[in-house]
Amino acid sequence: MFGAGNEGRPDGRRARLRRAAALALAVAVLTGAAACGGDEKGDGDKGGQEPGADSKAPASSPAAEPGGSGDSAGPGGSGALSQRDLTALAFTDGEKIGKYTAGEFTLGAPLGEDYTADPATCQPLVSLAKGATAFDPASEVHRNVDVAEEMLGTTVAVQLRSYNGDGAAGVMKALATAGKECAGGFVENRAVAKGQYLKVEQVKAPDHGDEAQAYRFTILDVKGTLKLYEYLTVVRSGTTTLSFRADITDTKDIGKVPDEVVTAQWKKFEAGSKG
């Protein structure tokens, strides 16, 4: 209905029944808002995409399998981190970050290869999955972060990707180009629908890593009646990127990717890398 982060929920403590209830309530919220003439501000990844639309997306590229690529060169080296090393630097299933809880996506990585942009230059704003840029990740880890007690709360897709050579820096350049050239909007082609990005705005990025970029997206819902908002922050440290995509199953603007989530993941990554 709204964002990528809401398409695959962590299993275990957050039961699937909770997801079903959330979807039902989200439909009621949107229907009611539209009935009230709503051009209300809201947040959402992919502007009202159908739930589960990205369920075909692979959890990782073939090169990202355990024991696959990676020279374990560390964040300042020229080789990608191995899948094992990258996993150790990411949030763990059930890890608490303030009011938030981290978990794995039950449906695999959000926004995979089925999500493309028109024009193609805008692709890094949609997804940094394999094929998004000229540089494919050698290893990647995906985590879903939300508030366990909130069916319609903020959700953040946290994705760590490590690259060989100058791949991570190349990805950031492609992202910066997309941010500039796609500022006036673009079309997102989804597995079963299309989404309209009305505006791409660069916002204040955190002071982490070697470089960082942050964006605010204004998106139309699938009915073309509501303006929704989503936030993307990407931090690069050496050969690795840490991306955070925040949305909410509601019609309000959350303002930014939650600072506590970005900071906690960065500190864990930084401490683990030094260790």
C-alpha atoms as a PDB file:
ATOM      1  CA  MET A   1       0.000   0.000   0.000  1.00  0.00           C
ATOM      2  CA  PHE A   2       2.653   2.496   0.943  1.00  0.00           C
ATOM      3  CA  GLY A   3       6.315   1.714   1.243  1.00  0.00           C
ATOM      4  CA  ALA A   4       8.939  -0.872   0.548  1.00  0.00           C
ATOM      5  CA  GLY A   5       9.662  -1.202   4.217  1.00  0.00           C
ATOM      6  CA  ASN A   6       6.074  -2.251   4.835  1.00  0.00           C
ATOM      7  CA  GLU A   7       6.064  -5.011   2.236  1.00  0.00           C
ATOM      8  CA  GLY A   8       8.070  -7.602   4.170  1.00  0.00           C
ATOM      9  CA  ARG A   9       7.717  -7.741   7.931  1.00  0.00           C
ATOM     10  CA  PRO A  10      10.034  -9.520  10.357  1.00  0.00           C
ATOM     11  CA  ASP A  11       8.803 -12.914  11.505  1.00  0.00           C
ATOM     12  CA  GLY A  12       8.784 -14.207  15.086  1.00  0.00           C
ATOM     13  CA  ARG A  13       7.658 -11.512  17.504  1.00  0.00           C
ATOM     14  CA  ARG A  14       5.788  -9.549  14.849  1.00  0.00           C
ATOM     15  CA  ALA A  15       3.249 -12.093  13.646  1.00  0.00           C
ATOM     16  CA  ARG A  16       1.833 -12.141  10.122  1.00  0.00           C
ATOM     17  CA  LEU A  17      -1.618 -11.469  11.540  1.00  0.00           C
ATOM     18  CA  ARG A  18      -0.377  -8.033  12.551  1.00  0.00           C
ATOM     19  CA  ARG A  19       0.580  -7.332   8.934  1.00  0.00           C
ATOM     20  CA  ALA A  20      -2.846  -8.381   7.679  1.00  0.00           C
ATOM     21  CA  ALA A  21      -4.526  -6.093  10.186  1.00  0.00           C
ATOM     22  CA  ALA A  22      -2.226  -3.236   9.191  1.00  0.00           C
ATOM     23  CA  LEU A  23      -3.098  -3.605   5.530  1.00  0.00           C
ATOM     24  CA  ALA A  24      -6.804  -3.617   6.286  1.00  0.00           C
ATOM     25  CA  LEU A  25      -6.487  -0.501   8.399  1.00  0.00           C
ATOM     26  CA  ALA A  26      -4.265   1.192   5.812  1.00  0.00           C
ATOM     27  CA  VAL A  27      -6.964   0.698   3.182  1.00  0.00           C
ATOM     28  CA  ALA A  28      -9.489   2.306   5.518  1.00  0.00           C
ATOM     29  CA  VAL A  29      -7.164   5.234   6.219  1.00  0.00           C
ATOM     30  CA  LEU A  30      -6.513   5.927   2.548  1.00  0.00           C
ATOM     31  CA  THR A  31     -10.144   5.518   1.564  1.00  0.00           C
ATOM     32  CA  GLY A  32     -11.248   7.897   4.276  1.00  0.00           C
ATOM     33  CA  ALA A  33      -8.572  10.446   3.434  1.00  0.00           C
ATOM     34  CA  ALA A  34      -9.456  10.397  -0.241  1.00  0.00           C
ATOM     35  CA  ALA A  35     -13.147  10.744   0.573  1.00  0.00           C
ATOM     36  CA  CYS A  36     -12.354  13.885   2.525  1.00  0.00           C
ATOM     37  CA  GLY A  37     -10.746  15.410  -0.539  1.00  0.00           C
ATOM     38  CA  GLY A  38      -7.324  14.568   0.839  1.00  0.00           C
ATOM     39  CA  ASP A  39      -4.332  16.190  -0.634  1.00  0.00           C
ATOM     40  CA  GLU A  40      -2.950  15.564   2.815  1.00  0.00           C
ATOM     41  CA  LYS A  41       0.736  15.102   3.311  1.00  0.00           C
ATOM     42  CA  GLY A  42       1.870  11.592   3.932  1.00  0.00           C
ATOM     43  CA  ASP A  43       4.908   9.410   3.704  1.00  0.00           C
ATOM     44  CA  GLY A  44       5.373   6.326   1.673  1.00  0.00           C
ATOM     45  CA  ASP A  45       7.896   4.430  -0.272  1.00  0.00           C
ATOM     46  CA  LYS A  46       6.730   3.798  -3.789  1.00  0.00           C
ATOM     47  CA  GLY A  47       3.630   5.952  -3.465  1.00  0.00           C
ATOM     48  CA  GLY A  48       1.000   3.404  -2.571  1.00  0.00           C
ATOM     49  CA  GLN A  49       2.369   0.300  -4.209  1.00  0.00           C
ATOM     50  CA  GLU A  50       0.512  -2.953  -3.862  1.00  0.00           C
ATOM     51  CA  PRO A  51       1.528  -5.042  -0.823  1.00  0.00           C
ATOM     52  CA  GLY A  52       3.886  -7.854  -1.624  1.00  0.00           C
ATOM     53  CA  ALA A  53       4.600  -6.486  -5.072  1.00  0.00           C
ATOM     54  CA  ASP A  54       8.310  -6.994  -4.595  1.00  0.00           C
ATOM     55  CA  SER A  55       8.063 -10.491  -3.151  1.00  0.00           C
ATOM     56  CA  LYS A  56       9.942 -11.820  -6.152  1.00  0.00           C
ATOM     57  CA  ALA A  57      12.950  -9.685  -5.348  1.00  0.00           C
ATOM     58  CA  PRO A  58      15.964 -11.786  -4.326  1.00  0.00           C
ATOM     59  CA  ALA A  59      17.348 -11.352  -0.850  1.00  0.00           C
ATOM     60  CA  SER A  60      20.766 -10.870  -2.372  1.00  0.00           C
ATOM     61  CA  SER A  61      22.670 -11.236  -5.596  1.00  0.00           C
ATOM     62  CA  PRO A  62      24.450 -14.545  -6.270  1.00  0.00           C
ATOM     63  CA  ALA A  63      27.790 -12.984  -5.356  1.00  0.00           C
ATOM     64  CA  ALA A  64      26.439 -12.154  -1.920  1.00  0.00           C
ATOM     65  CA  GLU A  65      26.072 -15.737  -0.722  1.00  0.00           C
ATOM     66  CA  PRO A  66      28.038 -16.731   2.384  1.00  0.00           C
ATOM     67  CA  GLY A  67      31.607 -17.489   1.511  1.00  0.00           C
ATOM     68  CA  GLY A  68      31.174 -15.800  -1.855  1.00  0.00           C
ATOM     69  CA  SER A  69      32.989 -12.591  -2.667  1.00  0.00           C
ATOM     70  CA  GLY A  70      34.982 -10.308  -0.487  1.00  0.00           C
ATOM     71  CA  ASP A  71      38.607  -9.722   0.296  1.00  0.00           C
ATOM     72  CA  SER A  72      37.641  -8.610   3.811  1.00  0.00           C
ATOM     73  CA  ALA A  73      39.746  -5.573   3.153  1.00  0.00           C
ATOM     74  CA  GLY A  74      37.766  -3.492   5.639  1.00  0.00           C
ATOM     75  CA  PRO A  75      35.988  -0.185   5.109  1.00  0.00           C
ATOM     76  CA  GLY A  76      39.116   1.623   4.017  1.00  0.00           C
ATOM     77  CA  GLY A  77      40.470  -1.028   1.659  1.00  0.00           C
ATOM     78  CA  SER A  78      39.831  -1.811  -1.995  1.00  0.00           C
ATOM     79  CA  GLY A  79      38.068  -5.139  -1.526  1.00  0.00           C
ATOM     80  CA  ALA A  80      34.469  -5.825  -0.571  1.00  0.00           C
ATOM     81  CA  LEU A  81      33.561  -7.129   2.849  1.00  0.00           C
ATOM     82  CA  SER A  82      32.532 -10.770   2.859  1.00  0.00           C
ATOM     83  CA  GLN A  83      28.916 -11.716   3.458  1.00  0.00           C
ATOM     84  CA  ARG A  84      29.833 -13.001   6.907  1.00  0.00           C
ATOM     85  CA  ASP A  85      31.671  -9.824   7.874  1.00  0.00           C
ATOM     86  CA  LEU A  86      28.923  -7.566   6.548  1.00  0.00           C
ATOM     87  CA  THR A  87      26.255  -9.518   8.436  1.00  0.00           C
ATOM     88  CA  ALA A  88      28.224  -9.096  11.663  1.00  0.00           C
ATOM     89  CA  LEU A  89      28.146  -5.316  11.167  1.00  0.00           C
ATOM     90  CA  ALA A  90      24.391  -5.103  10.566  1.00  0.00           C
ATOM     91  CA  PHE A  91      21.494  -5.046  13.017  1.00  0.00           C
ATOM     92  CA  THR A  92      20.563  -8.497  14.298  1.00  0.00           C
ATOM     93  CA  ASP A  93      17.073  -9.976  14.371  1.00  0.00           C
ATOM     94  CA  GLY A  94      15.306  -8.631  17.450  1.00  0.00           C
ATOM     95  CA  GLU A  95      17.906  -5.953  18.197  1.00  0.00           C
ATOM     96  CA  LYS A  96      16.438  -2.905  19.956  1.00  0.00           C
ATOM     97  CA  ILE A  97      17.163   0.637  18.782  1.00  0.00           C
ATOM     98  CA  GLY A  98      15.278   2.877  21.183  1.00  0.00           C
ATOM     99  CA  LYS A  99      11.593   2.250  20.494  1.00  0.00           C
ATOM    100  CA  TYR A 100      12.437   0.389  17.278  1.00  0.00           C
ATOM    101  CA  THR A 101      13.167  -3.295  16.720  1.00  0.00           C
ATOM    102  CA  ALA A 102      15.226  -4.752  13.865  1.00  0.00           C
ATOM    103  CA  GLY A 103      14.408  -7.922  11.975  1.00  0.00           C
ATOM    104  CA  GLU A 104      14.798  -9.685   8.664  1.00  0.00           C
ATOM    105  CA  PHE A 105      12.442  -9.258   5.720  1.00  0.00           C
ATOM    106  CA  THR A 106      10.176 -12.277   5.370  1.00  0.00           C
ATOM    107  CA  LEU A 107       9.757 -11.607   1.631  1.00  0.00           C
ATOM    108  CA  GLY A 108      13.392 -10.947   0.825  1.00  0.00           C
ATOM    109  CA  ALA A 109      15.018  -7.633  -0.032  1.00  0.00           C
ATOM    110  CA  PRO A 110      12.664  -4.722  -0.709  1.00  0.00           C
ATOM    111  CA  LEU A 111      12.580  -3.072  -4.145  1.00  0.00           C
ATOM    112  CA  GLY A 112      14.510  -5.558  -6.213  1.00  0.00           C
ATOM    113  CA  GLU A 113      15.057  -5.844  -9.944  1.00  0.00           C
ATOM    114  CA  ASP A 114      11.305  -5.609 -10.662  1.00  0.00           C
ATOM    115  CA  TYR A 115      11.432  -1.921  -9.734  1.00  0.00           C
ATOM    116  CA  THR A 116      12.923   0.307 -12.415  1.00  0.00           C
ATOM    117  CA  ALA A 117      12.928   4.024 -13.179  1.00  0.00           C
ATOM    118  CA  ASP A 118      12.046   6.001 -16.301  1.00  0.00           C
ATOM    119  CA  PRO A 119      14.375   7.623 -17.194  1.00  0.00           C
ATOM    120  CA  ALA A 120      16.950   5.020 -16.173  1.00  0.00           C
ATOM    121  CA  THR A 121      19.228   7.721 -14.721  1.00  0.00           C
ATOM    122  CA  CYS A 122      16.830   7.906 -11.770  1.00  0.00           C
ATOM    123  CA  GLN A 123      17.226   4.214 -10.883  1.00  0.00           C
ATOM    124  CA  PRO A 124      19.530   4.766  -7.845  1.00  0.00           C
ATOM    125  CA  LEU A 125      16.703   6.722  -6.197  1.00  0.00           C
ATOM    126  CA  VAL A 126      14.392   3.717  -6.524  1.00  0.00           C
ATOM    127  CA  SER A 127      16.770   0.947  -5.541  1.00  0.00           C
ATOM    128  CA  LEU A 128      20.468   0.189  -5.307  1.00  0.00           C
ATOM    129  CA  ALA A 129      19.864  -3.481  -6.087  1.00  0.00           C
ATOM    130  CA  LYS A 130      22.028  -5.323  -8.600  1.00  0.00           C
ATOM    131  CA  GLY A 131      21.837  -3.566 -11.967  1.00  0.00           C
ATOM    132  CA  ALA A 132      20.881  -0.170 -10.542  1.00  0.00           C
ATOM    133  CA  THR A 133      24.289   1.274 -11.439  1.00  0.00           C
ATOM    134  CA  ALA A 134      27.398   0.113 -13.282  1.00  0.00           C
ATOM    135  CA  PHE A 135      28.611  -1.302  -9.958  1.00  0.00           C
ATOM    136  CA  ASP A 136      26.991  -4.412  -8.478  1.00  0.00           C
ATOM    137  CA  PRO A 137      27.424  -5.237  -4.778  1.00  0.00           C
ATOM    138  CA  ALA A 138      29.595  -8.214  -3.909  1.00  0.00           C
ATOM    139  CA  SER A 139      27.734  -8.739  -0.636  1.00  0.00           C
ATOM    140  CA  GLU A 140      24.614  -7.241   0.907  1.00  0.00           C
ATOM    141  CA  VAL A 141      22.469  -7.500   4.034  1.00  0.00           C
ATOM    142  CA  HIS A 142      18.881  -6.303   4.444  1.00  0.00           C
ATOM    143  CA  ARG A 143      17.115  -5.415   7.682  1.00  0.00           C
ATOM    144  CA  ASN A 144      13.640  -4.103   8.497  1.00  0.00           C
ATOM    145  CA  VAL A 145      13.323  -1.713  11.460  1.00  0.00           C
ATOM    146  CA  ASP A 146       9.998  -0.681  12.983  1.00  0.00           C
ATOM    147  CA  VAL A 147       8.052  -0.321  16.223  1.00  0.00           C
ATOM    148  CA  ALA A 148       6.722  -3.747  17.153  1.00  0.00           C
ATOM    149  CA  GLU A 149       3.600  -2.392  18.849  1.00  0.00           C
ATOM    150  CA  GLU A 150       2.590  -0.079  15.987  1.00  0.00           C
ATOM    151  CA  MET A 151       0.706  -1.579  13.077  1.00  0.00           C
ATOM    152  CA  LEU A 152       0.885   1.668  11.106  1.00  0.00           C
ATOM    153  CA  GLY A 153       4.129   3.138  12.372  1.00  0.00           C
ATOM    154  CA  THR A 154       7.357   4.205  10.717  1.00  0.00           C
ATOM    155  CA  THR A 155       9.349   1.505   8.963  1.00  0.00           C
ATOM    156  CA  VAL A 156      12.973   1.781   7.834  1.00  0.00           C
ATOM    157  CA  ALA A 157      14.620  -0.531   5.317  1.00  0.00           C
ATOM    158  CA  VAL A 158      18.296  -0.700   6.344  1.00  0.00           C
ATOM    159  CA  GLN A 159      20.560  -2.151   3.663  1.00  0.00           C
ATOM    160  CA  LEU A 160      24.318  -2.639   3.809  1.00  0.00           C
ATOM    161  CA  ARG A 161      26.128  -3.304   0.528  1.00  0.00           C
ATOM    162  CA  SER A 162      29.852  -3.815  -0.035  1.00  0.00           C
ATOM    163  CA  TYR A 163      31.677  -3.406  -3.353  1.00  0.00           C
ATOM    164  CA  ASN A 164      35.000  -4.239  -4.911  1.00  0.00           C
ATOM    165  CA  GLY A 165      37.376  -1.497  -5.985  1.00  0.00           C
ATOM    166  CA  ASP A 166      35.801   1.947  -6.301  1.00  0.00           C
ATOM    167  CA  GLY A 167      32.289   0.545  -6.668  1.00  0.00           C
ATOM    168  CA  ALA A 168      30.843   2.183  -3.563  1.00  0.00           C
ATOM    169  CA  ALA A 169      32.170   5.605  -4.586  1.00  0.00           C
ATOM    170  CA  GLY A 170      30.767   5.050  -8.077  1.00  0.00           C
ATOM    171  CA  VAL A 171      27.353   4.265  -6.619  1.00  0.00           C
ATOM    172  CA  MET A 172      27.378   7.521  -4.668  1.00  0.00           C
ATOM    173  CA  LYS A 173      28.231   9.460  -7.828  1.00  0.00           C
ATOM    174  CA  ALA A 174      25.359   7.809  -9.667  1.00  0.00           C
ATOM    175  CA  LEU A 175      23.047   8.638  -6.767  1.00  0.00           C
ATOM    176  CA  ALA A 176      24.138  12.288  -6.799  1.00  0.00           C
ATOM    177  CA  THR A 177      23.556  12.484 -10.562  1.00  0.00           C
ATOM    178  CA  ALA A 178      20.081  11.003 -10.145  1.00  0.00           C
ATOM    179  CA  GLY A 179      19.291  13.477  -7.375  1.00  0.00           C
ATOM    180  CA  LYS A 180      20.077  16.398  -9.669  1.00  0.00           C
ATOM    181  CA  GLU A 181      18.699  15.163 -12.983  1.00  0.00           C
ATOM    182  CA  CYS A 182      15.495  13.731 -11.487  1.00  0.00           C
ATOM    183  CA  ALA A 183      14.638  16.644  -9.196  1.00  0.00           C
ATOM    184  CA  GLY A 184      11.546  17.388 -11.266  1.00  0.00           C
ATOM    185  CA  GLY A 185      10.204  13.865 -10.899  1.00  0.00           C
ATOM    186  CA  PHE A 186      10.170  10.572 -12.778  1.00  0.00           C
ATOM    187  CA  VAL A 187       8.149   7.384 -13.220  1.00  0.00           C
ATOM    188  CA  GLU A 188       8.771   4.227 -11.236  1.00  0.00           C
ATOM    189  CA  ASN A 189       7.866   1.007 -13.019  1.00  0.00           C
ATOM    190  CA  ARG A 190       6.837  -1.635 -10.514  1.00  0.00           C
ATOM    191  CA  ALA A 191       6.089  -5.306 -10.985  1.00  0.00           C
ATOM    192  CA  VAL A 192       2.342  -4.657 -11.393  1.00  0.00           C
ATOM    193  CA  ALA A 193       1.922  -0.892 -11.484  1.00  0.00           C
ATOM    194  CA  LYS A 194       3.543   2.486 -12.059  1.00  0.00           C
ATOM    195  CA  GLY A 195       4.338   5.210  -9.550  1.00  0.00           C
ATOM    196  CA  GLN A 196       4.811   8.923 -10.102  1.00  0.00           C
ATOM    197  CA  TYR A 197       7.545  10.779  -8.244  1.00  0.00           C
ATOM    198  CA  LEU A 198       6.600  14.445  -8.338  1.00  0.00           C
ATOM    199  CA  LYS A 199       9.724  15.881  -6.734  1.00  0.00           C
ATOM    200  CA  VAL A 200      13.154  14.841  -5.466  1.00  0.00           C
ATOM    201  CA  GLU A 201      14.692  17.160  -2.884  1.00  0.00           C
ATOM    202  CA  GLN A 202      18.125  16.925  -1.328  1.00  0.00           C
ATOM    203  CA  VAL A 203      18.009  17.344   2.455  1.00  0.00           C
ATOM    204  CA  LYS A 204      20.589  17.506   5.236  1.00  0.00           C
ATOM    205  CA  ALA A 205      22.672  14.336   5.398  1.00  0.00           C
ATOM    206  CA  PRO A 206      24.256  12.918   8.563  1.00  0.00           C
ATOM    207  CA  ASP A 207      27.914  13.550   9.303  1.00  0.00           C
ATOM    208  CA  HIS A 208      28.964   9.910   9.047  1.00  0.00           C
ATOM    209  CA  GLY A 209      31.438   7.991   6.928  1.00  0.00           C
ATOM    210  CA  ASP A 210      33.435   9.273   3.969  1.00  0.00           C
ATOM    211  CA  GLU A 211      30.362  10.861   2.390  1.00  0.00           C
ATOM    212  CA  ALA A 212      26.595  10.862   2.773  1.00  0.00           C
ATOM    213  CA  GLN A 213      23.511  11.952   0.826  1.00  0.00           C
ATOM    214  CA  ALA A 214      19.883  12.336   1.894  1.00  0.00           C
ATOM    215  CA  TYR A 215      16.689  12.894  -0.108  1.00  0.00           C
ATOM    216  CA  ARG A 216      12.999  13.611   0.367  1.00  0.00           C
ATOM    217  CA  PHE A 217      10.583  12.224  -2.228  1.00  0.00           C
ATOM    218  CA  THR A 218       7.111  13.530  -3.003  1.00  0.00           C
ATOM    219  CA  ILE A 219       5.094  10.712  -4.557  1.00  0.00           C
ATOM    220  CA  LEU A 220       1.522  10.274  -5.783  1.00  0.00           C
ATOM    221  CA  ASP A 221      -0.411   7.297  -4.469  1.00  0.00           C
ATOM    222  CA  VAL A 222      -1.660   4.711  -6.987  1.00  0.00           C
ATOM    223  CA  LYS A 223      -4.995   6.525  -7.339  1.00  0.00           C
ATOM    224  CA  GLY A 224      -3.257   9.813  -8.068  1.00  0.00           C
ATOM    225  CA  THR A 225      -5.118  11.599  -5.274  1.00  0.00           C
ATOM    226  CA  LEU A 226      -2.722  11.741  -2.312  1.00  0.00           C
ATOM    227  CA  LYS A 227       0.770  13.141  -2.003  1.00  0.00           C
ATOM    228  CA  LEU A 228       2.975  10.810   0.001  1.00  0.00           C
ATOM    229  CA  TYR A 229       6.483  11.356   1.322  1.00  0.00           C
ATOM    230  CA  GLU A 230       9.462   9.088   1.695  1.00  0.00           C
ATOM    231  CA  TYR A 231      13.053   9.641   2.841  1.00  0.00           C
ATOM    232  CA  LEU A 232      16.312   8.084   1.702  1.00  0.00           C
ATOM    233  CA  THR A 233      19.713   8.416   3.363  1.00  0.00           C
ATOM    234  CA  VAL A 234      22.857   6.721   2.043  1.00  0.00           C
ATOM    235  CA  VAL A 235      26.207   6.739   3.846  1.00  0.00           C
ATOM    236  CA  ARG A 236      29.457   5.460   2.334  1.00  0.00           C
ATOM    237  CA  SER A 237      32.409   4.175   4.336  1.00  0.00           C
ATOM    238  CA  GLY A 238      35.231   2.903   2.148  1.00  0.00           C
ATOM    239  CA  THR A 239      33.885   0.057   0.028  1.00  0.00           C
ATOM    240  CA  THR A 240      30.524  -0.164   1.802  1.00  0.00           C
ATOM    241  CA  THR A 241      27.262   1.783   1.593  1.00  0.00           C
ATOM    242  CA  LEU A 242      24.625   1.930   4.326  1.00  0.00           C
ATOM    243  CA  SER A 243      21.214   2.953   3.010  1.00  0.00           C
ATOM    244  CA  PHE A 244      18.113   3.849   5.005  1.00  0.00           C
ATOM    245  CA  ARG A 245      14.687   4.180   3.330  1.00  0.00           C
ATOM    246  CA  ALA A 246      11.909   5.360   5.649  1.00  0.00           C
ATOM    247  CA  ASP A 247       8.152   5.332   5.125  1.00  0.00           C
ATOM    248  CA  ILE A 248       4.935   5.024   7.109  1.00  0.00           C
ATOM    249  CA  THR A 249       1.583   3.336   6.568  1.00  0.00           C
ATOM    250  CA  ASP A 250      -0.265   6.583   7.049  1.00  0.00           C
ATOM    251  CA  THR A 251      -0.912   9.924   5.370  1.00  0.00           C
ATOM    252  CA  LYS A 252       1.570  12.060   7.254  1.00  0.00           C
ATOM    253  CA  ASP A 253       5.116  13.269   6.701  1.00  0.00           C
ATOM    254  CA  ILE A 254       7.615  11.740   9.151  1.00  0.00           C
ATOM    255  CA  GLY A 255      10.124  14.496   8.344  1.00  0.00           C
ATOM    256  CA  LYS A 256      13.255  12.362   7.891  1.00  0.00           C
ATOM    257  CA  VAL A 257      14.807   8.978   8.429  1.00  0.00           C
ATOM    258  CA  PRO A 258      14.813   8.512  12.232  1.00  0.00           C
ATOM    259  CA  ASP A 259      18.164   9.755  13.562  1.00  0.00           C
ATOM    260  CA  GLU A 260      18.403   7.009  16.166  1.00  0.00           C
ATOM    261  CA  VAL A 261      18.230   4.287  13.518  1.00  0.00           C
ATOM    262  CA  VAL A 262      20.885   5.867  11.287  1.00  0.00           C
ATOM    263  CA  THR A 263      23.198   6.642  14.206  1.00  0.00           C
ATOM    264  CA  ALA A 264      22.851   3.216  15.831  1.00  0.00           C
ATOM    265  CA  GLN A 265      23.610   1.350  12.617  1.00  0.00           C
ATOM    266  CA  TRP A 266      26.534   3.635  11.809  1.00  0.00           C
ATOM    267  CA  LYS A 267      28.055   3.231  15.283  1.00  0.00           C
ATOM    268  CA  LYS A 268      27.706  -0.549  15.100  1.00  0.00           C
ATOM    269  CA  PHE A 269      29.287  -0.613  11.661  1.00  0.00           C
ATOM    270  CA  GLU A 270      32.113   1.716  12.677  1.00  0.00           C
ATOM    271  CA  ALA A 271      32.904  -0.138  15.889  1.00  0.00           C
ATOM    272  CA  GLY A 272      32.814  -3.530  14.187  1.00  0.00           C
ATOM    273  CA  SER A 273      34.989  -2.347  11.320  1.00  0.00           C
ATOM    274  CA  LYS A 274      37.662  -1.041  13.697  1.00  0.00           C
ATOM    275  CA  GLY A 275      37.527  -4.284  15.636  1.00  0.00           C
END
